[in-house]
Protein backbone atom coordinates (compact mmCIF):
# COMPACT_ATOMS: atom_id res chain seq x y z
CA UNK A 1 -0.06 -0.01 0.11
CA UNK A 2 1.52 3.36 -1.00
CA UNK A 3 2.88 5.41 1.76
CA UNK A 4 1.05 8.60 0.44
CA UNK A 5 -2.08 7.12 1.60
CA UNK A 6 -0.86 7.71 5.07
CA UNK A 7 -2.47 10.90 5.06
CA UNK A 8 -5.79 9.43 5.45
CA UNK A 9 -4.72 7.58 8.78
CA UNK A 10 -3.14 8.46 11.88
CA UNK A 11 0.55 8.25 11.48
CA UNK A 12 2.42 5.17 12.91
CA UNK A 13 3.79 7.23 15.79
CA UNK A 14 0.37 8.12 16.96
CA UNK A 15 -0.79 4.40 17.20
CA UNK A 16 2.60 2.61 18.12
CA UNK A 17 2.56 3.34 21.83
CA UNK A 18 6.24 2.30 22.24
CA UNK A 19 7.29 5.02 19.77
CA UNK A 20 8.75 7.39 22.48
CA UNK A 21 11.34 4.67 23.77
CA UNK A 22 12.79 4.22 20.29
CA UNK A 23 16.13 5.96 19.33
CA UNK A 24 16.15 8.45 16.48
CA UNK A 25 17.67 5.97 14.20
CA UNK A 26 15.25 3.25 15.07
CA UNK A 27 12.33 5.53 14.46
CA UNK A 28 13.83 6.47 10.94
CA UNK A 29 14.24 2.64 10.46
CA UNK A 30 10.69 1.86 11.20
CA UNK A 31 9.38 4.73 9.19
CA UNK A 32 11.14 3.57 6.13
CA UNK A 33 10.28 -0.22 6.58
CA UNK A 34 6.64 -0.67 7.86
CA UNK A 35 3.80 -1.55 5.44
CA UNK A 36 0.09 -0.74 5.65
CA UNK A 37 -2.50 -3.37 5.04
CA UNK A 38 -6.16 -2.84 4.77
CA UNK A 39 -8.85 -5.72 5.52
CA UNK A 40 -12.47 -5.97 4.83
CA UNK A 41 -15.03 -7.15 7.40
CA UNK A 42 -14.58 -10.74 8.22
CA UNK A 43 -11.27 -10.99 6.41
CA UNK A 44 -8.66 -13.12 8.23
CA UNK A 45 -5.51 -11.12 9.21
CA UNK A 46 -3.57 -13.98 10.80
CA UNK A 47 -4.09 -17.76 10.96
CA UNK A 48 -3.63 -20.11 13.76
CA UNK A 49 -0.83 -22.61 12.92
CA UNK A 50 0.96 -20.23 10.33
CA UNK A 51 4.54 -18.94 10.89
CA UNK A 52 4.48 -15.42 12.47
CA UNK A 53 5.89 -12.80 10.15
CA UNK A 54 4.94 -9.24 11.61
CA UNK A 55 4.33 -7.50 14.63
CA UNK A 56 0.94 -5.72 13.88
CA UNK A 57 -0.55 -2.52 15.15
CA UNK A 58 -4.26 -1.91 14.68
CA UNK A 59 -4.70 1.52 13.29
CA UNK A 60 -8.32 1.66 12.26
CA UNK A 61 -11.20 -0.69 12.95
CA UNK A 62 -11.92 -3.69 15.32
CA UNK A 63 -10.52 -7.12 15.25
CA UNK A 64 -11.11 -10.38 17.11
CA UNK A 65 -8.43 -13.08 18.23
CA UNK A 66 -9.85 -16.53 18.70
CA UNK A 67 -8.89 -20.24 18.83
CA UNK A 68 -10.77 -23.12 17.50
CA UNK A 69 -11.66 -25.71 20.26
CA UNK A 70 -13.41 -29.10 20.26
CA UNK A 71 -15.87 -29.65 17.51
CA UNK A 72 -14.20 -26.65 15.66
CA UNK A 73 -15.94 -24.15 18.13
CA UNK A 74 -14.50 -20.77 18.09
CA UNK A 75 -13.53 -19.04 21.61
CA UNK A 76 -12.79 -15.28 21.28
CA UNK A 77 -9.85 -14.85 23.60
CA UNK A 78 -9.18 -11.09 22.84
CA UNK A 79 -10.85 -8.21 21.11
CA UNK A 80 -8.66 -5.28 19.88
CA UNK A 81 -9.13 -1.52 19.50
CA UNK A 82 -6.97 0.81 17.63
CA UNK A 83 -3.48 1.29 19.08
CA UNK A 84 -3.27 -2.15 20.40
CA UNK A 85 -0.54 -4.79 19.14
CA UNK A 86 -0.80 -8.30 18.11
CA UNK A 87 1.22 -11.09 16.56
CA UNK A 88 4.27 -10.48 18.66
CA UNK A 89 3.97 -13.36 21.21
CA UNK A 90 4.65 -16.04 18.51
CA UNK A 91 7.48 -14.04 17.06
CA UNK A 92 9.21 -13.81 20.58
CA UNK A 93 8.54 -17.50 21.27
CA UNK A 94 9.66 -18.51 17.80
CA UNK A 95 6.63 -20.81 17.35
CA UNK A 96 3.63 -20.92 15.01
CA UNK A 97 0.69 -18.49 15.62
CA UNK A 98 -1.65 -19.87 18.38
CA UNK A 99 -4.54 -17.73 17.37
CA UNK A 100 -6.56 -16.63 14.45
CA UNK A 101 -7.24 -12.79 13.95
CA UNK A 102 -10.19 -11.60 11.83
CA UNK A 103 -11.44 -8.10 11.29
CA UNK A 104 -14.87 -7.32 12.71
CA UNK A 105 -15.26 -4.43 10.34
CA UNK A 106 -13.18 -2.88 7.60
CA UNK A 107 -9.71 -2.39 9.43
CA UNK A 108 -6.16 -1.16 8.61
CA UNK A 109 -3.06 -2.57 10.18
CA UNK A 110 0.42 -1.29 10.32
CA UNK A 111 3.02 -4.07 10.06
CA UNK A 112 6.66 -4.24 11.20
CA UNK A 113 8.58 -7.28 10.10
CA UNK A 114 9.45 -9.89 12.82
CA UNK A 115 13.00 -9.64 11.87
CA UNK A 116 13.12 -5.83 12.40
CA UNK A 117 10.97 -6.10 15.79
CA UNK A 118 13.27 -8.61 17.13
CA UNK A 119 16.31 -6.53 16.13
CA UNK A 120 15.07 -3.52 18.12
CA UNK A 121 13.77 -5.68 21.01
CA UNK A 122 17.40 -7.16 21.31
CA UNK A 123 19.11 -3.69 21.35
CA UNK A 124 16.87 -1.39 22.93
CA UNK A 125 16.35 -2.20 26.75
CA UNK A 126 13.54 0.24 27.31
CA UNK A 127 11.60 -1.10 24.36
CA UNK A 128 12.11 -4.60 25.62
CA UNK A 129 10.97 -3.73 29.04
CA UNK A 130 7.77 -2.17 27.62
CA UNK A 131 6.83 -5.42 25.80
CA UNK A 132 7.67 -7.46 28.98
CA UNK A 133 5.11 -5.14 30.84
CA UNK A 134 2.51 -5.65 28.11
CA UNK A 135 3.00 -9.49 28.04
CA UNK A 136 2.63 -9.57 31.89
CA UNK A 137 -0.55 -7.53 31.66
CA UNK A 138 -1.89 -9.82 29.09
CA UNK A 139 -1.04 -12.88 31.17
CA UNK A 140 -2.94 -11.36 34.25
CA UNK A 141 -5.97 -10.62 32.10
CA UNK A 142 -5.87 -14.22 30.58
CA UNK A 143 -5.81 -15.63 34.11
CA UNK A 144 -8.84 -13.50 35.28
CA UNK A 145 -10.72 -14.26 32.14
CA UNK A 146 -10.02 -18.01 32.66
CA UNK A 147 -11.62 -17.94 36.10
CA UNK A 148 -14.49 -15.93 35.07
CA UNK A 149 -15.38 -18.05 31.91
CA UNK A 150 -15.16 -21.23 33.94
CA UNK A 151 -16.82 -20.23 37.21
CA UNK A 152 -19.44 -17.62 36.36
CA UNK A 153 -22.95 -18.64 35.56
CA UNK A 154 -23.95 -17.70 31.89
CA UNK A 155 -25.79 -14.45 33.06
CA UNK A 156 -22.62 -13.30 34.74
CA UNK A 157 -20.51 -14.06 31.68
CA UNK A 158 -22.79 -12.43 29.36
CA UNK A 159 -23.04 -9.27 31.58
CA UNK A 160 -19.24 -9.23 31.73
CA UNK A 161 -19.01 -9.41 27.91
CA UNK A 162 -21.48 -6.52 27.44
CA UNK A 163 -19.50 -4.34 30.00
CA UNK A 164 -16.23 -5.19 28.37
CA UNK A 165 -17.53 -4.10 25.10
CA UNK A 166 -18.62 -0.94 26.59
CA UNK A 167 -15.74 -0.16 28.42
CA UNK A 168 -13.32 -0.94 25.56
CA UNK A 169 -15.30 0.42 22.55
CA UNK A 170 -17.41 3.24 24.10
CA UNK A 171 -20.81 4.33 23.44
CA UNK A 172 -22.47 5.98 20.43
CA UNK A 173 -23.79 9.53 20.46
CA UNK A 174 -26.86 8.61 22.44
CA UNK A 175 -24.53 7.63 25.35
CA UNK A 176 -26.12 4.12 25.71
CA UNK A 177 -25.64 2.07 22.51
CA UNK A 178 -22.40 -0.01 22.44
CA UNK A 179 -19.99 1.12 19.59
CA UNK A 180 -19.63 -2.36 18.15
CA UNK A 181 -22.04 -4.72 16.56
CA UNK A 182 -21.62 -8.38 17.13
CA UNK A 183 -23.45 -11.33 15.97
CA UNK A 184 -25.18 -13.44 18.49
CA UNK A 185 -22.44 -16.22 17.61
CA UNK A 186 -19.63 -13.75 18.29
CA UNK A 187 -21.10 -12.71 21.50
CA UNK A 188 -21.70 -16.41 22.54
CA UNK A 189 -17.99 -17.17 21.67
CA UNK A 190 -16.76 -14.29 23.64
CA UNK A 191 -18.79 -15.33 26.62
CA UNK A 192 -18.05 -19.26 26.47
CA UNK A 193 -21.66 -20.27 25.89
CA UNK A 194 -23.77 -21.69 23.01
CA UNK A 195 -25.42 -19.22 20.68
CA UNK A 196 -28.88 -20.44 21.73
CA UNK A 197 -27.90 -19.73 25.31
CA UNK A 198 -26.69 -16.15 24.41
CA UNK A 199 -30.05 -15.58 22.55
CA UNK A 200 -32.01 -16.56 25.52
CA UNK A 201 -29.94 -14.68 27.99
CA UNK A 202 -30.05 -11.46 26.03
CA UNK A 203 -33.95 -11.84 25.80
CA UNK A 204 -33.98 -12.24 29.49
CA UNK A 205 -31.94 -9.04 29.83
CA UNK A 206 -34.25 -7.12 27.55
CA UNK A 207 -37.24 -8.39 29.62
CA UNK A 208 -35.62 -7.09 32.81
CA UNK A 209 -35.10 -3.74 31.20
CA UNK A 210 -31.27 -4.13 31.58
CA UNK A 211 -30.52 -3.57 27.79
CA UNK A 212 -32.48 -2.74 24.59
CA UNK A 213 -31.62 -4.23 21.32
CA UNK A 214 -32.18 -3.40 17.66
CA UNK A 215 -30.56 -6.05 15.50
CA UNK A 216 -27.02 -6.21 16.36
CA UNK A 217 -27.17 -2.75 18.22
CA UNK A 218 -27.28 -3.32 22.01
CA UNK A 219 -28.21 -0.46 24.15
CA UNK A 220 -27.46 -0.36 27.88
CA UNK A 221 -30.28 0.67 29.95
CA UNK A 222 -29.22 -0.30 33.50
CA UNK A 223 -25.38 -0.52 33.86
CA UNK A 224 -25.54 -0.65 37.53
CA UNK A 225 -27.69 -4.00 37.65
CA UNK A 226 -25.50 -5.35 34.82
CA UNK A 227 -22.23 -4.79 36.86
CA UNK A 228 -24.00 -6.58 39.97
CA UNK A 229 -24.86 -9.59 37.84
CA UNK A 230 -21.27 -9.75 36.41
CA UNK A 231 -19.79 -9.37 39.82
CA UNK A 232 -22.11 -12.07 41.44
CA UNK A 233 -21.48 -14.35 38.60
């Protein structure tokens, strides 16, 4: 993708949160070597089992990170928003990708080759420490999510997912509608339940006036009660 199209996007230094710890030479190196890739809604960005090639930074859009389990059932393990990085764990571990990444909507991704990423990681202590911090944070999040998905009742899991979407993607201008539209299947895969259970639980939340729904749009009516349901499990 031609670099002249960067004018349509935020520059890489605006979305690459580790930019400030790079040296002047490293910044120039990245500026002259990164690439820009555009993905359509539902297009696969990274495949589970493939060899990792790039550190990726989401510039525009929303993407889901998921694994296929028993019966080829998908489990969404992360959902990303602009400015977040992905693809680097497998590069550091020198092993195939453990997850698949797909665009929820039309998305734009900055890519830095794995070789260039590792070169800077090995020579810049501050850069390396920042990624250690991010990996540690991701591990803590994964531990908490494992407990919540295995111990909470389906109502608690679904309430937690709705609040996660609200907290991470924000609300539309009405101050209530979550700014991401998920299919019932994706919402179920994020909450570790069957699609039919997700549909029934959403209907229950609507009947209890906790949320309102219009197709894939979900409006939060009573956030306090949703948080109580999520906390109680």
